[in-house]
Amino acid sequence: MVLIQSHYVEKLLKKFNYFSVKYVSTPYDSSIKLKKNLSKGIFSHKYSQIIGSLLYLTNFSKPEIGYVGGRVEMYTNNLDHSHWIVLERVFRYLK
């Protein structure tokens, strides 16, 4: 039995405006060091929605993005630009 969620991935790419990004072959770039934003923490509802969607996808059909999902989930309340770059790379990988 095989579970394919290409339709769900396409829906996510369109929903979060990443449908026209270029493809990359790996979901994570280890040269980007994620750390807590030490200035005023921000909360982004969109970031939380993306994390939830990626973790759902991880649980059912894309376990290879689980590491990245877990890493970015830790910083939900203290975001900076590097966290968005990591999320964009995941979407580029899913493309």
C-alpha atoms as a PDB file:
ATOM      1  CA  MET A   1       0.000   0.000   0.000  1.00  0.00           C
ATOM      2  CA  VAL A   2       1.342   3.416  -0.958  1.00  0.00           C
ATOM      3  CA  LEU A   3       0.086   6.766   0.267  1.00  0.00           C
ATOM      4  CA  ILE A   4       0.642   9.643  -2.131  1.00  0.00           C
ATOM      5  CA  GLN A   5      -0.266  13.172  -1.138  1.00  0.00           C
ATOM      6  CA  SER A   6       0.850  15.116  -4.184  1.00  0.00           C
ATOM      7  CA  HIS A   7      -2.502  16.886  -4.287  1.00  0.00           C
ATOM      8  CA  TYR A   8      -2.072  18.011  -0.654  1.00  0.00           C
ATOM      9  CA  VAL A   9       1.469  19.239  -1.369  1.00  0.00           C
ATOM     10  CA  GLU A  10       0.255  21.184  -4.399  1.00  0.00           C
ATOM     11  CA  LYS A  11      -2.528  22.705  -2.301  1.00  0.00           C
ATOM     12  CA  LEU A  12       0.006  23.792   0.363  1.00  0.00           C
ATOM     13  CA  LEU A  13       2.320  25.331  -2.231  1.00  0.00           C
ATOM     14  CA  LYS A  14      -0.550  27.369  -3.636  1.00  0.00           C
ATOM     15  CA  LYS A  15      -1.998  28.313  -0.235  1.00  0.00           C
ATOM     16  CA  PHE A  16       1.287  29.747   1.047  1.00  0.00           C
ATOM     17  CA  ASN A  17       2.378  31.271  -2.298  1.00  0.00           C
ATOM     18  CA  TYR A  18       5.294  28.913  -2.956  1.00  0.00           C
ATOM     19  CA  PHE A  19       3.910  27.256  -6.074  1.00  0.00           C
ATOM     20  CA  SER A  20       6.279  28.994  -8.470  1.00  0.00           C
ATOM     21  CA  VAL A  21       9.527  28.358  -6.550  1.00  0.00           C
ATOM     22  CA  LYS A  22      12.448  26.444  -8.036  1.00  0.00           C
ATOM     23  CA  TYR A  23      13.051  22.843  -6.975  1.00  0.00           C
ATOM     24  CA  VAL A  24      15.952  21.799  -4.701  1.00  0.00           C
ATOM     25  CA  SER A  25      17.037  18.230  -4.038  1.00  0.00           C
ATOM     26  CA  THR A  26      17.365  18.372  -0.235  1.00  0.00           C
ATOM     27  CA  PRO A  27      14.938  19.718   2.368  1.00  0.00           C
ATOM     28  CA  TYR A  28      17.555  21.274   4.660  1.00  0.00           C
ATOM     29  CA  ASP A  29      20.684  23.366   4.192  1.00  0.00           C
ATOM     30  CA  SER A  30      23.010  22.598   7.110  1.00  0.00           C
ATOM     31  CA  SER A  31      24.952  25.827   6.598  1.00  0.00           C
ATOM     32  CA  ILE A  32      22.006  27.813   8.001  1.00  0.00           C
ATOM     33  CA  LYS A  33      22.250  27.914  11.781  1.00  0.00           C
ATOM     34  CA  LEU A  34      18.912  28.367  13.487  1.00  0.00           C
ATOM     35  CA  LYS A  35      18.873  30.192  16.797  1.00  0.00           C
ATOM     36  CA  LYS A  36      16.410  32.012  18.985  1.00  0.00           C
ATOM     37  CA  ASN A  37      15.675  35.588  18.002  1.00  0.00           C
ATOM     38  CA  LEU A  38      17.099  37.597  20.923  1.00  0.00           C
ATOM     39  CA  SER A  39      15.310  40.816  20.046  1.00  0.00           C
ATOM     40  CA  LYS A  40      11.593  41.227  20.571  1.00  0.00           C
ATOM     41  CA  GLY A  41       9.961  37.915  19.738  1.00  0.00           C
ATOM     42  CA  ILE A  42       7.197  37.913  17.186  1.00  0.00           C
ATOM     43  CA  PHE A  43       4.391  35.468  16.669  1.00  0.00           C
ATOM     44  CA  SER A  44       3.271  34.722  13.178  1.00  0.00           C
ATOM     45  CA  HIS A  45       0.026  32.908  12.590  1.00  0.00           C
ATOM     46  CA  LYS A  46       1.152  32.054   9.047  1.00  0.00           C
ATOM     47  CA  TYR A  47       4.373  30.482  10.385  1.00  0.00           C
ATOM     48  CA  SER A  48       2.352  28.315  12.783  1.00  0.00           C
ATOM     49  CA  GLN A  49       0.018  27.237   9.973  1.00  0.00           C
ATOM     50  CA  ILE A  50       2.972  26.249   7.800  1.00  0.00           C
ATOM     51  CA  ILE A  51       4.597  24.275  10.622  1.00  0.00           C
ATOM     52  CA  GLY A  52       1.361  22.424  11.339  1.00  0.00           C
ATOM     53  CA  SER A  53       0.874  21.601   7.671  1.00  0.00           C
ATOM     54  CA  LEU A  54       4.441  20.330   7.319  1.00  0.00           C
ATOM     55  CA  LEU A  55       4.211  18.201  10.461  1.00  0.00           C
ATOM     56  CA  TYR A  56       0.979  16.656   9.181  1.00  0.00           C
ATOM     57  CA  LEU A  57       2.706  15.867   5.914  1.00  0.00           C
ATOM     58  CA  THR A  58       5.663  14.400   7.819  1.00  0.00           C
ATOM     59  CA  ASN A  59       3.455  12.032   9.766  1.00  0.00           C
ATOM     60  CA  PHE A  60       1.648  10.610   6.772  1.00  0.00           C
ATOM     61  CA  SER A  61       3.845  10.639   3.692  1.00  0.00           C
ATOM     62  CA  LYS A  62       7.035  12.721   3.889  1.00  0.00           C
ATOM     63  CA  PRO A  63       9.170  11.533   6.829  1.00  0.00           C
ATOM     64  CA  GLU A  64      12.293  13.044   5.253  1.00  0.00           C
ATOM     65  CA  ILE A  65      11.126  16.552   6.188  1.00  0.00           C
ATOM     66  CA  GLY A  66      10.590  15.576   9.827  1.00  0.00           C
ATOM     67  CA  TYR A  67      13.984  16.829  10.987  1.00  0.00           C
ATOM     68  CA  VAL A  68      13.420  20.260   9.488  1.00  0.00           C
ATOM     69  CA  GLY A  69       9.876  20.435  10.828  1.00  0.00           C
ATOM     70  CA  GLY A  70      11.066  19.657  14.325  1.00  0.00           C
ATOM     71  CA  ARG A  71      13.866  22.212  14.128  1.00  0.00           C
ATOM     72  CA  VAL A  72      11.706  25.115  12.982  1.00  0.00           C
ATOM     73  CA  GLU A  73       8.879  24.208  15.344  1.00  0.00           C
ATOM     74  CA  MET A  74      11.108  25.074  18.319  1.00  0.00           C
ATOM     75  CA  TYR A  75      11.214  28.729  17.270  1.00  0.00           C
ATOM     76  CA  THR A  76       7.526  29.428  16.723  1.00  0.00           C
ATOM     77  CA  ASN A  77       7.492  32.377  19.149  1.00  0.00           C
ATOM     78  CA  ASN A  78      10.947  33.819  18.380  1.00  0.00           C
ATOM     79  CA  LEU A  79      11.253  34.078  14.619  1.00  0.00           C
ATOM     80  CA  ASP A  80      13.834  35.746  12.479  1.00  0.00           C
ATOM     81  CA  HIS A  81      14.609  35.760   8.773  1.00  0.00           C
ATOM     82  CA  SER A  82      16.623  32.500   8.842  1.00  0.00           C
ATOM     83  CA  HIS A  83      13.551  30.538   9.934  1.00  0.00           C
ATOM     84  CA  TRP A  84      11.618  31.714   6.894  1.00  0.00           C
ATOM     85  CA  ILE A  85      14.562  30.783   4.651  1.00  0.00           C
ATOM     86  CA  VAL A  86      14.489  27.234   6.041  1.00  0.00           C
ATOM     87  CA  LEU A  87      10.741  26.970   5.480  1.00  0.00           C
ATOM     88  CA  GLU A  88      11.103  28.250   1.929  1.00  0.00           C
ATOM     89  CA  ARG A  89      13.718  25.566   1.255  1.00  0.00           C
ATOM     90  CA  VAL A  90      11.308  22.870   2.474  1.00  0.00           C
ATOM     91  CA  PHE A  91       8.673  24.158   0.079  1.00  0.00           C
ATOM     92  CA  ARG A  92      11.235  24.193  -2.721  1.00  0.00           C
ATOM     93  CA  TYR A  93      12.064  20.575  -1.890  1.00  0.00           C
ATOM     94  CA  LEU A  94       8.374  19.624  -1.918  1.00  0.00           C
ATOM     95  CA  LYS A  95       7.952  21.269  -5.331  1.00  0.00           C
END
